Amino acid sequence: MQRANTDSDVPRGVYQLIVQDNRHAAGRKKDSVPLGPGYTGWALPDQAEATLPAGCAARMGSTAPYITVSLSAPSQAEKKDLVDRDTAIRNSATVVREAATNLAKKYGCAT
């Protein structure tokens, strides 16, 4: 996702949302928090990852056992007072949960 840059004509990156085949379920990263009930994955202020429910990979035409949705956002650390850590984690978790939920519904593999 890119957004217009007020300082130039070149758009700036806001975040990346990647859906990919994966041989392993989303393992938890250090200092991350779980996504919440009904979701397998984790969230940090600038990253989050969710594994789609069982059966999604096959319904999406993948031969891999898992499909993961990964979010990568610019680091909040160097931007003082932009958002606090808890808010950034909630935002990351919300984006990846929504993407995972929408994909699971689309392919009929929602839990």
Protein backbone atom coordinates (compact mmCIF):
# COMPACT_ATOMS: atom_id res chain seq x y z
CA MET A 1 0.00 0.00 0.00
CA GLN A 2 1.37 3.40 -0.91
CA ARG A 3 0.20 6.88 -0.03
CA ALA A 4 0.81 10.22 -1.73
CA ASN A 5 3.85 12.03 -0.39
CA THR A 6 3.34 15.71 0.40
CA ASP A 7 7.07 16.42 -0.10
CA SER A 8 7.46 14.90 -3.58
CA ASP A 9 5.70 13.19 -6.49
CA VAL A 10 6.98 9.77 -5.39
CA PRO A 11 4.46 7.86 -3.25
CA ARG A 12 5.69 6.65 0.13
CA GLY A 13 5.21 3.12 1.40
CA VAL A 14 2.67 2.73 4.17
CA TYR A 15 2.60 -1.05 4.67
CA GLN A 16 2.85 -4.40 2.92
CA LEU A 17 0.24 -7.11 3.22
CA ILE A 18 1.47 -10.45 1.90
CA VAL A 19 -0.56 -13.63 1.44
CA GLN A 20 1.63 -16.66 0.81
CA ASP A 21 1.91 -20.43 0.91
CA ASN A 22 3.79 -21.61 3.95
CA ARG A 23 5.15 -24.93 5.13
CA HIS A 24 4.79 -23.92 8.79
CA ALA A 25 2.10 -22.24 10.87
CA ALA A 26 2.82 -18.78 12.21
CA GLY A 27 5.23 -19.17 15.12
CA ARG A 28 5.20 -16.51 17.78
CA LYS A 29 7.88 -13.80 17.67
CA LYS A 30 9.65 -12.50 20.73
CA ASP A 31 7.64 -9.83 22.63
CA SER A 32 4.60 -10.35 20.38
CA VAL A 33 1.02 -10.71 21.53
CA PRO A 34 -1.51 -13.28 20.28
CA LEU A 35 -4.09 -12.11 17.73
CA GLY A 36 -6.98 -13.15 19.94
CA PRO A 37 -9.60 -15.89 20.15
CA GLY A 38 -10.20 -17.74 16.90
CA TYR A 39 -6.92 -16.65 15.28
CA THR A 40 -3.54 -18.33 15.06
CA GLY A 41 -0.80 -15.74 14.90
CA TRP A 42 0.87 -12.80 16.60
CA ALA A 43 1.24 -9.03 16.46
CA LEU A 44 3.97 -6.47 17.11
CA PRO A 45 3.77 -2.70 16.53
CA ASP A 46 5.23 -2.97 13.01
CA GLN A 47 4.51 -6.60 12.07
CA ALA A 48 1.74 -9.18 12.38
CA GLU A 49 1.09 -12.63 11.00
CA ALA A 50 -1.95 -14.90 10.89
CA THR A 51 -2.35 -18.47 9.67
CA LEU A 52 -5.61 -19.13 7.85
CA PRO A 53 -7.87 -21.92 9.18
CA ALA A 54 -7.27 -25.55 8.21
CA GLY A 55 -8.49 -26.33 4.72
CA CYS A 56 -7.94 -22.84 3.33
CA ALA A 57 -4.70 -23.76 1.58
CA ALA A 58 -6.34 -26.53 -0.46
CA ARG A 59 -9.38 -24.38 -1.26
CA MET A 60 -7.04 -21.65 -2.49
CA GLY A 61 -5.26 -24.12 -4.80
CA SER A 62 -2.09 -24.45 -2.74
CA THR A 63 -0.15 -27.62 -2.13
CA ALA A 64 1.40 -26.10 0.99
CA PRO A 65 -0.24 -27.03 4.30
CA TYR A 66 -0.74 -23.41 5.40
CA ILE A 67 -1.54 -19.97 4.05
CA THR A 68 -0.26 -17.01 6.05
CA VAL A 69 -1.19 -13.36 5.95
CA SER A 70 1.73 -11.12 6.96
CA LEU A 71 1.72 -7.39 7.64
CA SER A 72 4.84 -5.27 7.60
CA ALA A 73 4.48 -1.58 8.48
CA PRO A 74 7.09 1.14 8.85
CA SER A 75 8.65 1.13 12.29
CA GLN A 76 6.96 3.43 14.78
CA ALA A 77 10.14 3.65 16.90
CA GLU A 78 11.74 6.54 15.07
CA LYS A 79 8.51 8.54 14.87
CA LYS A 80 8.09 10.00 18.34
CA ASP A 81 4.55 10.54 19.58
CA LEU A 82 3.01 9.02 16.44
CA VAL A 83 1.22 6.23 18.31
CA ASP A 84 2.00 4.33 21.47
CA ARG A 85 3.10 0.67 21.38
CA ASP A 86 -0.29 -0.72 22.47
CA THR A 87 -2.16 1.24 19.81
CA ALA A 88 0.31 0.18 17.12
CA ILE A 89 -0.08 -3.49 18.16
CA ARG A 90 -3.88 -3.20 18.08
CA ASN A 91 -3.71 -1.59 14.63
CA SER A 92 -1.39 -4.30 13.26
CA ALA A 93 -3.52 -7.08 14.73
CA THR A 94 -6.72 -5.54 13.34
CA VAL A 95 -5.38 -5.32 9.78
CA VAL A 96 -4.07 -8.89 9.68
CA ARG A 97 -7.19 -10.34 11.39
CA GLU A 98 -9.46 -8.54 8.91
CA ALA A 99 -7.43 -9.77 5.92
CA ALA A 100 -7.40 -13.36 7.25
CA THR A 101 -11.14 -13.26 7.98
CA ASN A 102 -12.00 -11.90 4.53
CA LEU A 103 -9.87 -14.53 2.77
CA ALA A 104 -11.33 -17.35 4.86
CA LYS A 105 -14.88 -16.18 4.04
CA LYS A 106 -14.07 -15.79 0.35
CA TYR A 107 -12.74 -19.34 0.10
CA GLY A 108 -15.37 -20.89 2.39
CA CYS A 109 -12.97 -22.04 5.08
CA ALA A 110 -13.90 -19.71 7.96
CA THR A 111 -13.93 -21.22 11.41
